[in-house]
Amino acid sequence: MTSQAFGAALLVGSALIAFWICCRLTRLAPRSILWALIHIVLSIVALRSVPFVFDRFGDTTLPGAIYIEIFGIAFPALVYGFVSGGWLTRAALGLLRP
């Protein structure tokens, strides 16, 4: 598997898990648009900090460090980014209902 195919599979997998979280665990969703926007900002900060964490963590000689970086740092940040986007969409659609 090439690195591009793995990256695409990681993105699709995180989006599907986020979709499942948004549909199944609706009680976790914020009730107001303000809290949904706060989650968006937090997810942007988390996603923007992933390369810096990789740079700091990548110099280790720990075996399997790449798997810790991908599945322990990048994957949860991607899932949270997609979940917060779904929460913002749900909150915005809630404002459209009369």
PDB file of N, CA and C in Angstrom:
ATOM      1  N   MET A   1       0.853  -1.169   0.000  1.00  0.00           N
ATOM      2  CA  MET A   1       0.000   0.000   0.000  1.00  0.00           C
ATOM      3  C   MET A   1       0.903   1.237   0.000  1.00  0.00           C
ATOM      4  N   THR A   2       0.624   2.145  -0.874  1.00  0.00           N
ATOM      5  CA  THR A   2       1.412   3.371  -0.937  1.00  0.00           C
ATOM      6  C   THR A   2       1.005   4.318   0.182  1.00  0.00           C
ATOM      7  N   SER A   3       1.848   5.302   0.408  1.00  0.00           N
ATOM      8  CA  SER A   3       1.543   6.249   1.478  1.00  0.00           C
ATOM      9  C   SER A   3       0.320   7.097   1.126  1.00  0.00           C
ATOM     10  N   GLN A   4       0.106   7.379  -0.150  1.00  0.00           N
ATOM     11  CA  GLN A   4      -1.076   8.137  -0.550  1.00  0.00           C
ATOM     12  C   GLN A   4      -2.350   7.337  -0.316  1.00  0.00           C
ATOM     13  N   ALA A   5      -2.316   6.054  -0.626  1.00  0.00           N
ATOM     14  CA  ALA A   5      -3.485   5.204  -0.400  1.00  0.00           C
ATOM     15  C   ALA A   5      -3.758   5.057   1.091  1.00  0.00           C
ATOM     16  N   PHE A   6      -2.693   4.942   1.889  1.00  0.00           N
ATOM     17  CA  PHE A   6      -2.879   4.842   3.334  1.00  0.00           C
ATOM     18  C   PHE A   6      -3.460   6.135   3.896  1.00  0.00           C
ATOM     19  N   GLY A   7      -2.973   7.281   3.406  1.00  0.00           N
ATOM     20  CA  GLY A   7      -3.519   8.568   3.849  1.00  0.00           C
ATOM     21  C   GLY A   7      -4.988   8.715   3.493  1.00  0.00           C
ATOM     22  N   ALA A   8      -5.350   8.291   2.290  1.00  0.00           N
ATOM     23  CA  ALA A   8      -6.757   8.350   1.883  1.00  0.00           C
ATOM     24  C   ALA A   8      -7.609   7.415   2.732  1.00  0.00           C
ATOM     25  N   ALA A   9      -7.103   6.210   3.010  1.00  0.00           N
ATOM     26  CA  ALA A   9      -7.848   5.269   3.847  1.00  0.00           C
ATOM     27  C   ALA A   9      -7.987   5.796   5.269  1.00  0.00           C
ATOM     28  N   LEU A  10      -6.957   6.467   5.780  1.00  0.00           N
ATOM     29  CA  LEU A  10      -7.024   7.061   7.112  1.00  0.00           C
ATOM     30  C   LEU A  10      -8.074   8.165   7.165  1.00  0.00           C
ATOM     31  N   LEU A  11      -8.116   8.997   6.135  1.00  0.00           N
ATOM     32  CA  LEU A  11      -9.124  10.064   6.077  1.00  0.00           C
ATOM     33  C   LEU A  11     -10.535   9.509   5.987  1.00  0.00           C
ATOM     34  N   VAL A  12     -10.742   8.541   5.109  1.00  0.00           N
ATOM     35  CA  VAL A  12     -12.076   7.958   4.951  1.00  0.00           C
ATOM     36  C   VAL A  12     -12.493   7.231   6.222  1.00  0.00           C
ATOM     37  N   GLY A  13     -11.571   6.507   6.830  1.00  0.00           N
ATOM     38  CA  GLY A  13     -11.892   5.806   8.072  1.00  0.00           C
ATOM     39  C   GLY A  13     -12.242   6.757   9.203  1.00  0.00           C
ATOM     40  N   SER A  14     -11.502   7.835   9.326  1.00  0.00           N
ATOM     41  CA  SER A  14     -11.815   8.798  10.384  1.00  0.00           C
ATOM     42  C   SER A  14     -13.133   9.508  10.112  1.00  0.00           C
ATOM     43  N   ALA A  15     -13.436   9.782   8.856  1.00  0.00           N
ATOM     44  CA  ALA A  15     -14.716  10.407   8.525  1.00  0.00           C
ATOM     45  C   ALA A  15     -15.882   9.463   8.825  1.00  0.00           C
ATOM     46  N   LEU A  16     -15.717   8.180   8.538  1.00  0.00           N
ATOM     47  CA  LEU A  16     -16.787   7.221   8.819  1.00  0.00           C
ATOM     48  C   LEU A  16     -17.004   7.045  10.327  1.00  0.00           C
ATOM     49  N   ILE A  17     -15.929   7.005  11.084  1.00  0.00           N
ATOM     50  CA  ILE A  17     -16.073   6.902  12.542  1.00  0.00           C
ATOM     51  C   ILE A  17     -16.719   8.164  13.100  1.00  0.00           C
ATOM     52  N   ALA A  18     -16.346   9.319  12.572  1.00  0.00           N
ATOM     53  CA  ALA A  18     -16.959  10.568  13.016  1.00  0.00           C
ATOM     54  C   ALA A  18     -18.442  10.603  12.670  1.00  0.00           C
ATOM     55  N   PHE A  19     -18.801  10.108  11.493  1.00  0.00           N
ATOM     56  CA  PHE A  19     -20.209  10.041  11.112  1.00  0.00           C
ATOM     57  C   PHE A  19     -20.981   9.134  12.062  1.00  0.00           C
ATOM     58  N   TRP A  20     -20.373   8.005  12.428  1.00  0.00           N
ATOM     59  CA  TRP A  20     -21.016   7.099  13.367  1.00  0.00           C
ATOM     60  C   TRP A  20     -21.197   7.775  14.722  1.00  0.00           C
ATOM     61  N   ILE A  21     -20.191   8.491  15.186  1.00  0.00           N
ATOM     62  CA  ILE A  21     -20.295   9.193  16.472  1.00  0.00           C
ATOM     63  C   ILE A  21     -21.403  10.234  16.424  1.00  0.00           C
ATOM     64  N   CYS A  22     -21.469  10.985  15.336  1.00  0.00           N
ATOM     65  CA  CYS A  22     -22.509  12.028  15.216  1.00  0.00           C
ATOM     66  C   CYS A  22     -23.911  11.430  15.186  1.00  0.00           C
ATOM     67  N   CYS A  23     -24.058  10.288  14.543  1.00  0.00           N
ATOM     68  CA  CYS A  23     -25.387   9.673  14.446  1.00  0.00           C
ATOM     69  C   CYS A  23     -25.769   8.882  15.689  1.00  0.00           C
ATOM     70  N   ARG A  24     -24.823   8.183  16.256  1.00  0.00           N
ATOM     71  CA  ARG A  24     -25.132   7.280  17.361  1.00  0.00           C
ATOM     72  C   ARG A  24     -25.116   7.965  18.719  1.00  0.00           C
ATOM     73  N   LEU A  25     -24.187   8.855  18.934  1.00  0.00           N
ATOM     74  CA  LEU A  25     -24.024   9.499  20.233  1.00  0.00           C
ATOM     75  C   LEU A  25     -24.464  10.963  20.171  1.00  0.00           C
ATOM     76  N   THR A  26     -25.725  11.165  19.905  1.00  0.00           N
ATOM     77  CA  THR A  26     -26.242  12.527  19.726  1.00  0.00           C
ATOM     78  C   THR A  26     -26.246  13.321  21.029  1.00  0.00           C
ATOM     79  N   ARG A  27     -26.215  12.649  22.171  1.00  0.00           N
ATOM     80  CA  ARG A  27     -26.226  13.370  23.436  1.00  0.00           C
ATOM     81  C   ARG A  27     -24.902  14.084  23.700  1.00  0.00           C
ATOM     82  N   LEU A  28     -23.848  13.721  22.969  1.00  0.00           N
ATOM     83  CA  LEU A  28     -22.564  14.391  23.125  1.00  0.00           C
ATOM     84  C   LEU A  28     -22.487  15.709  22.364  1.00  0.00           C
ATOM     85  N   ALA A  29     -23.393  15.909  21.430  1.00  0.00           N
ATOM     86  CA  ALA A  29     -23.354  17.105  20.587  1.00  0.00           C
ATOM     87  C   ALA A  29     -23.691  18.354  21.391  1.00  0.00           C
ATOM     88  N   PRO A  30     -23.024  19.457  21.077  1.00  0.00           N
ATOM     89  CA  PRO A  30     -23.353  20.709  21.773  1.00  0.00           C
ATOM     90  C   PRO A  30     -24.749  21.195  21.389  1.00  0.00           C
ATOM     91  N   ARG A  31     -25.400  21.847  22.325  1.00  0.00           N
ATOM     92  CA  ARG A  31     -26.780  22.294  22.100  1.00  0.00           C
ATOM     93  C   ARG A  31     -26.869  23.659  21.419  1.00  0.00           C
ATOM     94  N   SER A  32     -25.808  24.449  21.481  1.00  0.00           N
ATOM     95  CA  SER A  32     -25.864  25.783  20.882  1.00  0.00           C
ATOM     96  C   SER A  32     -24.794  25.920  19.797  1.00  0.00           C
ATOM     97  N   ILE A  33     -24.997  26.902  18.948  1.00  0.00           N
ATOM     98  CA  ILE A  33     -24.053  27.147  17.868  1.00  0.00           C
ATOM     99  C   ILE A  33     -22.730  27.676  18.416  1.00  0.00           C
ATOM    100  N   LEU A  34     -22.768  28.376  19.551  1.00  0.00           N
ATOM    101  CA  LEU A  34     -21.547  28.898  20.149  1.00  0.00           C
ATOM    102  C   LEU A  34     -20.611  27.765  20.578  1.00  0.00           C
ATOM    103  N   TRP A  35     -21.154  26.755  21.248  1.00  0.00           N
ATOM    104  CA  TRP A  35     -20.327  25.626  21.668  1.00  0.00           C
ATOM    105  C   TRP A  35     -19.846  24.817  20.471  1.00  0.00           C
ATOM    106  N   ALA A  36     -20.645  24.746  19.427  1.00  0.00           N
ATOM    107  CA  ALA A  36     -20.204  24.050  18.215  1.00  0.00           C
ATOM    108  C   ALA A  36     -19.033  24.797  17.571  1.00  0.00           C
ATOM    109  N   LEU A  37     -19.082  26.115  17.576  1.00  0.00           N
ATOM    110  CA  LEU A  37     -17.973  26.908  17.039  1.00  0.00           C
ATOM    111  C   LEU A  37     -16.722  26.776  17.911  1.00  0.00           C
ATOM    112  N   ILE A  38     -16.906  26.677  19.209  1.00  0.00           N
ATOM    113  CA  ILE A  38     -15.763  26.470  20.095  1.00  0.00           C
ATOM    114  C   ILE A  38     -15.099  25.125  19.795  1.00  0.00           C
ATOM    115  N   HIS A  39     -15.915  24.112  19.536  1.00  0.00           N
ATOM    116  CA  HIS A  39     -15.358  22.807  19.167  1.00  0.00           C
ATOM    117  C   HIS A  39     -14.622  22.879  17.834  1.00  0.00           C
ATOM    118  N   ILE A  40     -15.126  23.668  16.897  1.00  0.00           N
ATOM    119  CA  ILE A  40     -14.434  23.847  15.616  1.00  0.00           C
ATOM    120  C   ILE A  40     -13.064  24.469  15.833  1.00  0.00           C
ATOM    121  N   VAL A  41     -13.018  25.507  16.658  1.00  0.00           N
ATOM    122  CA  VAL A  41     -11.732  26.167  16.932  1.00  0.00           C
ATOM    123  C   VAL A  41     -10.768  25.199  17.609  1.00  0.00           C
ATOM    124  N   LEU A  42     -11.257  24.422  18.567  1.00  0.00           N
ATOM    125  CA  LEU A  42     -10.401  23.447  19.242  1.00  0.00           C
ATOM    126  C   LEU A  42      -9.906  22.362  18.284  1.00  0.00           C
ATOM    127  N   SER A  43     -10.758  21.952  17.357  1.00  0.00           N
ATOM    128  CA  SER A  43     -10.323  20.935  16.399  1.00  0.00           C
ATOM    129  C   SER A  43      -9.292  21.500  15.422  1.00  0.00           C
ATOM    130  N   ILE A  44      -9.430  22.771  15.063  1.00  0.00           N
ATOM    131  CA  ILE A  44      -8.433  23.399  14.191  1.00  0.00           C
ATOM    132  C   ILE A  44      -7.093  23.466  14.904  1.00  0.00           C
ATOM    133  N   VAL A  45      -7.117  23.840  16.182  1.00  0.00           N
ATOM    134  CA  VAL A  45      -5.876  23.879  16.964  1.00  0.00           C
ATOM    135  C   VAL A  45      -5.260  22.482  17.053  1.00  0.00           C
ATOM    136  N   ALA A  46      -6.082  21.476  17.280  1.00  0.00           N
ATOM    137  CA  ALA A  46      -5.572  20.103  17.366  1.00  0.00           C
ATOM    138  C   ALA A  46      -4.968  19.648  16.046  1.00  0.00           C
ATOM    139  N   LEU A  47      -5.641  19.945  14.946  1.00  0.00           N
ATOM    140  CA  LEU A  47      -5.133  19.520  13.647  1.00  0.00           C
ATOM    141  C   LEU A  47      -3.885  20.295  13.239  1.00  0.00           C
ATOM    142  N   ARG A  48      -3.817  21.571  13.598  1.00  0.00           N
ATOM    143  CA  ARG A  48      -2.640  22.365  13.260  1.00  0.00           C
ATOM    144  C   ARG A  48      -1.428  21.999  14.117  1.00  0.00           C
ATOM    145  N   SER A  49      -1.658  21.400  15.278  1.00  0.00           N
ATOM    146  CA  SER A  49      -0.541  21.039  16.146  1.00  0.00           C
ATOM    147  C   SER A  49       0.034  19.659  15.837  1.00  0.00           C
ATOM    148  N   VAL A  50      -0.621  18.889  14.996  1.00  0.00           N
ATOM    149  CA  VAL A  50      -0.142  17.539  14.674  1.00  0.00           C
ATOM    150  C   VAL A  50       1.265  17.555  14.067  1.00  0.00           C
ATOM    151  N   PRO A  51       1.587  18.410  13.082  1.00  0.00           N
ATOM    152  CA  PRO A  51       2.962  18.390  12.551  1.00  0.00           C
ATOM    153  C   PRO A  51       4.023  18.762  13.589  1.00  0.00           C
ATOM    154  N   PHE A  52       3.706  19.669  14.492  1.00  0.00           N
ATOM    155  CA  PHE A  52       4.668  20.043  15.523  1.00  0.00           C
ATOM    156  C   PHE A  52       4.906  18.893  16.494  1.00  0.00           C
ATOM    157  N   VAL A  53       3.854  18.167  16.822  1.00  0.00           N
ATOM    158  CA  VAL A  53       4.001  16.998  17.694  1.00  0.00           C
ATOM    159  C   VAL A  53       4.801  15.922  16.985  1.00  0.00           C
ATOM    160  N   PHE A  54       4.581  15.744  15.684  1.00  0.00           N
ATOM    161  CA  PHE A  54       5.352  14.764  14.924  1.00  0.00           C
ATOM    162  C   PHE A  54       6.833  15.120  14.925  1.00  0.00           C
ATOM    163  N   ASP A  55       7.154  16.404  14.776  1.00  0.00           N
ATOM    164  CA  ASP A  55       8.547  16.821  14.781  1.00  0.00           C
ATOM    165  C   ASP A  55       9.211  16.556  16.127  1.00  0.00           C
ATOM    166  N   ARG A  56       8.498  16.799  17.208  1.00  0.00           N
ATOM    167  CA  ARG A  56       9.067  16.585  18.538  1.00  0.00           C
ATOM    168  C   ARG A  56       9.151  15.099  18.872  1.00  0.00           C
ATOM    169  N   PHE A  57       8.177  14.325  18.429  1.00  0.00           N
ATOM    170  CA  PHE A  57       8.101  12.915  18.774  1.00  0.00           C
ATOM    171  C   PHE A  57       8.866  12.041  17.788  1.00  0.00           C
ATOM    172  N   GLY A  58       9.136  12.563  16.602  1.00  0.00           N
ATOM    173  CA  GLY A  58       9.750  11.769  15.544  1.00  0.00           C
ATOM    174  C   GLY A  58      11.223  11.473  15.746  1.00  0.00           C
ATOM    175  N   ASP A  59      11.878  12.149  16.677  1.00  0.00           N
ATOM    176  CA  ASP A  59      13.303  11.942  16.893  1.00  0.00           C
ATOM    177  C   ASP A  59      13.600  10.809  17.866  1.00  0.00           C
ATOM    178  N   THR A  60      12.615  10.097  18.280  1.00  0.00           N
ATOM    179  CA  THR A  60      12.807   9.037  19.263  1.00  0.00           C
ATOM    180  C   THR A  60      13.223   7.732  18.586  1.00  0.00           C
ATOM    181  N   THR A  61      13.862   6.876  19.355  1.00  0.00           N
ATOM    182  CA  THR A  61      14.257   5.565  18.848  1.00  0.00           C
ATOM    183  C   THR A  61      13.275   4.483  19.286  1.00  0.00           C
ATOM    184  N   LEU A  62      12.131   4.898  19.748  1.00  0.00           N
ATOM    185  CA  LEU A  62      11.107   3.967  20.209  1.00  0.00           C
ATOM    186  C   LEU A  62      10.611   3.124  19.039  1.00  0.00           C
ATOM    187  N   PRO A  63      10.621   1.801  19.171  1.00  0.00           N
ATOM    188  CA  PRO A  63      10.121   0.982  18.066  1.00  0.00           C
ATOM    189  C   PRO A  63       8.613   1.168  17.901  1.00  0.00           C
ATOM    190  N   GLY A  64       8.203   1.334  16.673  1.00  0.00           N
ATOM    191  CA  GLY A  64       6.787   1.525  16.400  1.00  0.00           C
ATOM    192  C   GLY A  64       6.311   2.936  16.651  1.00  0.00           C
ATOM    193  N   ALA A  65       7.218   3.893  16.699  1.00  0.00           N
ATOM    194  CA  ALA A  65       6.841   5.277  16.985  1.00  0.00           C
ATOM    195  C   ALA A  65       5.932   5.849  15.900  1.00  0.00           C
ATOM    196  N   ILE A  66       6.117   5.399  14.668  1.00  0.00           N
ATOM    197  CA  ILE A  66       5.278   5.906  13.581  1.00  0.00           C
ATOM    198  C   ILE A  66       3.819   5.513  13.784  1.00  0.00           C
ATOM    199  N   TYR A  67       3.585   4.330  14.352  1.00  0.00           N
ATOM    200  CA  TYR A  67       2.209   3.894  14.609  1.00  0.00           C
ATOM    201  C   TYR A  67       1.579   4.688  15.746  1.00  0.00           C
ATOM    202  N   ILE A  68       2.389   5.037  16.736  1.00  0.00           N
ATOM    203  CA  ILE A  68       1.897   5.884  17.820  1.00  0.00           C
ATOM    204  C   ILE A  68       1.546   7.266  17.281  1.00  0.00           C
ATOM    205  N   GLU A  69       2.386   7.791  16.382  1.00  0.00           N
ATOM    206  CA  GLU A  69       2.124   9.098  15.793  1.00  0.00           C
ATOM    207  C   GLU A  69       0.844   9.092  14.967  1.00  0.00           C
ATOM    208  N   ILE A  70       0.684   8.061  14.158  1.00  0.00           N
ATOM    209  CA  ILE A  70      -0.467   8.027  13.251  1.00  0.00           C
ATOM    210  C   ILE A  70      -1.760   7.718  13.999  1.00  0.00           C
ATOM    211  N   PHE A  71      -1.765   6.622  14.756  1.00  0.00           N
ATOM    212  CA  PHE A  71      -3.014   6.166  15.373  1.00  0.00           C
ATOM    213  C   PHE A  71      -3.260   6.754  16.758  1.00  0.00           C
ATOM    214  N   GLY A  72      -2.254   7.329  17.365  1.00  0.00           N
ATOM    215  CA  GLY A  72      -2.433   7.922  18.683  1.00  0.00           C
ATOM    216  C   GLY A  72      -2.560   9.427  18.666  1.00  0.00           C
ATOM    217  N   ILE A  73      -2.089  10.076  17.589  1.00  0.00           N
ATOM    218  CA  ILE A  73      -2.120  11.535  17.527  1.00  0.00           C
ATOM    219  C   ILE A  73      -2.946  12.025  16.335  1.00  0.00           C
ATOM    220  N   ALA A  74      -2.576  11.597  15.126  1.00  0.00           N
ATOM    221  CA  ALA A  74      -3.226  12.118  13.923  1.00  0.00           C
ATOM    222  C   ALA A  74      -4.659  11.610  13.768  1.00  0.00           C
ATOM    223  N   PHE A  75      -4.870  10.316  13.981  1.00  0.00           N
ATOM    224  CA  PHE A  75      -6.203   9.750  13.801  1.00  0.00           C
ATOM    225  C   PHE A  75      -7.244  10.357  14.750  1.00  0.00           C
ATOM    226  N   PRO A  76      -6.969  10.465  16.060  1.00  0.00           N
ATOM    227  CA  PRO A  76      -7.962  11.113  16.931  1.00  0.00           C
ATOM    228  C   PRO A  76      -8.204  12.583  16.575  1.00  0.00           C
ATOM    229  N   ALA A  77      -7.151  13.288  16.132  1.00  0.00           N
ATOM    230  CA  ALA A  77      -7.339  14.685  15.740  1.00  0.00           C
ATOM    231  C   ALA A  77      -8.233  14.784  14.503  1.00  0.00           C
ATOM    232  N   LEU A  78      -8.051  13.872  13.553  1.00  0.00           N
ATOM    233  CA  LEU A  78      -8.906  13.863  12.369  1.00  0.00           C
ATOM    234  C   LEU A  78     -10.354  13.531  12.724  1.00  0.00           C
ATOM    235  N   VAL A  79     -10.542  12.542  13.577  1.00  0.00           N
ATOM    236  CA  VAL A  79     -11.901  12.177  13.988  1.00  0.00           C
ATOM    237  C   VAL A  79     -12.564  13.358  14.691  1.00  0.00           C
ATOM    238  N   TYR A  80     -11.840  14.023  15.590  1.00  0.00           N
ATOM    239  CA  TYR A  80     -12.414  15.170  16.292  1.00  0.00           C
ATOM    240  C   TYR A  80     -12.728  16.307  15.326  1.00  0.00           C
ATOM    241  N   GLY A  81     -11.888  16.500  14.323  1.00  0.00           N
ATOM    242  CA  GLY A  81     -12.176  17.523  13.321  1.00  0.00           C
ATOM    243  C   GLY A  81     -13.461  17.235  12.553  1.00  0.00           C
ATOM    244  N   PHE A  82     -13.635  15.992  12.145  1.00  0.00           N
ATOM    245  CA  PHE A  82     -14.860  15.624  11.431  1.00  0.00           C
ATOM    246  C   PHE A  82     -16.085  15.658  12.345  1.00  0.00           C
ATOM    247  N   VAL A  83     -15.933  15.227  13.588  1.00  0.00           N
ATOM    248  CA  VAL A  83     -17.057  15.252  14.530  1.00  0.00           C
ATOM    249  C   VAL A  83     -17.486  16.682  14.805  1.00  0.00           C
ATOM    250  N   SER A  84     -16.536  17.566  15.025  1.00  0.00           N
ATOM    251  CA  SER A  84     -16.904  18.955  15.304  1.00  0.00           C
ATOM    252  C   SER A  84     -17.540  19.606  14.080  1.00  0.00           C
ATOM    253  N   GLY A  85     -17.116  19.218  12.889  1.00  0.00           N
ATOM    254  CA  GLY A  85     -17.788  19.711  11.686  1.00  0.00           C
ATOM    255  C   GLY A  85     -19.220  19.222  11.580  1.00  0.00           C
ATOM    256  N   GLY A  86     -19.438  17.972  11.945  1.00  0.00           N
ATOM    257  CA  GLY A  86     -20.805  17.442  11.958  1.00  0.00           C
ATOM    258  C   GLY A  86     -21.663  18.114  13.010  1.00  0.00           C
ATOM    259  N   TRP A  87     -21.067  18.395  14.177  1.00  0.00           N
ATOM    260  CA  TRP A  87     -21.817  19.089  15.222  1.00  0.00           C
ATOM    261  C   TRP A  87     -22.185  20.502  14.801  1.00  0.00           C
ATOM    262  N   LEU A  88     -21.271  21.188  14.129  1.00  0.00           N
ATOM    263  CA  LEU A  88     -21.577  22.540  13.661  1.00  0.00           C
ATOM    264  C   LEU A  88     -22.672  22.511  12.600  1.00  0.00           C
ATOM    265  N   THR A  89     -22.613  21.528  11.728  1.00  0.00           N
ATOM    266  CA  THR A  89     -23.659  21.393  10.701  1.00  0.00           C
ATOM    267  C   THR A  89     -25.005  21.129  11.333  1.00  0.00           C
ATOM    268  N   ARG A  90     -25.035  20.243  12.336  1.00  0.00           N
ATOM    269  CA  ARG A  90     -26.296  19.936  13.013  1.00  0.00           C
ATOM    270  C   ARG A  90     -26.839  21.163  13.755  1.00  0.00           C
ATOM    271  N   ALA A  91     -25.955  21.923  14.403  1.00  0.00           N
ATOM    272  CA  ALA A  91     -26.388  23.121  15.113  1.00  0.00           C
ATOM    273  C   ALA A  91     -26.891  24.190  14.147  1.00  0.00           C
ATOM    274  N   ALA A  92     -26.228  24.325  12.997  1.00  0.00           N
ATOM    275  CA  ALA A  92     -26.672  25.300  12.009  1.00  0.00           C
ATOM    276  C   ALA A  92     -28.013  24.894  11.409  1.00  0.00           C
ATOM    277  N   LEU A  93     -28.213  23.606  11.166  1.00  0.00           N
ATOM    278  CA  LEU A  93     -29.495  23.163  10.655  1.00  0.00           C
ATOM    279  C   LEU A  93     -30.596  23.328  11.686  1.00  0.00           C
ATOM    280  N   GLY A  94     -30.247  23.239  12.960  1.00  0.00           N
ATOM    281  CA  GLY A  94     -31.222  23.473  14.021  1.00  0.00           C
ATOM    282  C   GLY A  94     -31.696  24.906  14.061  1.00  0.00           C
ATOM    283  N   LEU A  95     -30.861  25.840  13.612  1.00  0.00           N
ATOM    284  CA  LEU A  95     -31.272  27.235  13.555  1.00  0.00           C
ATOM    285  C   LEU A  95     -32.225  27.503  12.400  1.00  0.00           C
ATOM    286  N   LEU A  96     -32.215  26.662  11.377  1.00  0.00           N
ATOM    287  CA  LEU A  96     -33.086  26.866  10.218  1.00  0.00           C
ATOM    288  C   LEU A  96     -34.517  26.399  10.478  1.00  0.00           C
ATOM    289  N   ARG A  97     -34.704  25.519  11.427  1.00  0.00           N
ATOM    290  CA  ARG A  97     -36.045  25.013  11.714  1.00  0.00           C
ATOM    291  C   ARG A  97     -36.860  26.084  12.437  1.00  0.00           C
ATOM    292  N   PRO A  98     -38.123  26.224  12.039  1.00  0.00           N
ATOM    293  CA  PRO A  98     -38.956  27.253  12.711  1.00  0.00           C
ATOM    294  C   PRO A  98     -39.391  26.862  14.106  1.00  0.00           C
TER     295      PRO A  98
END
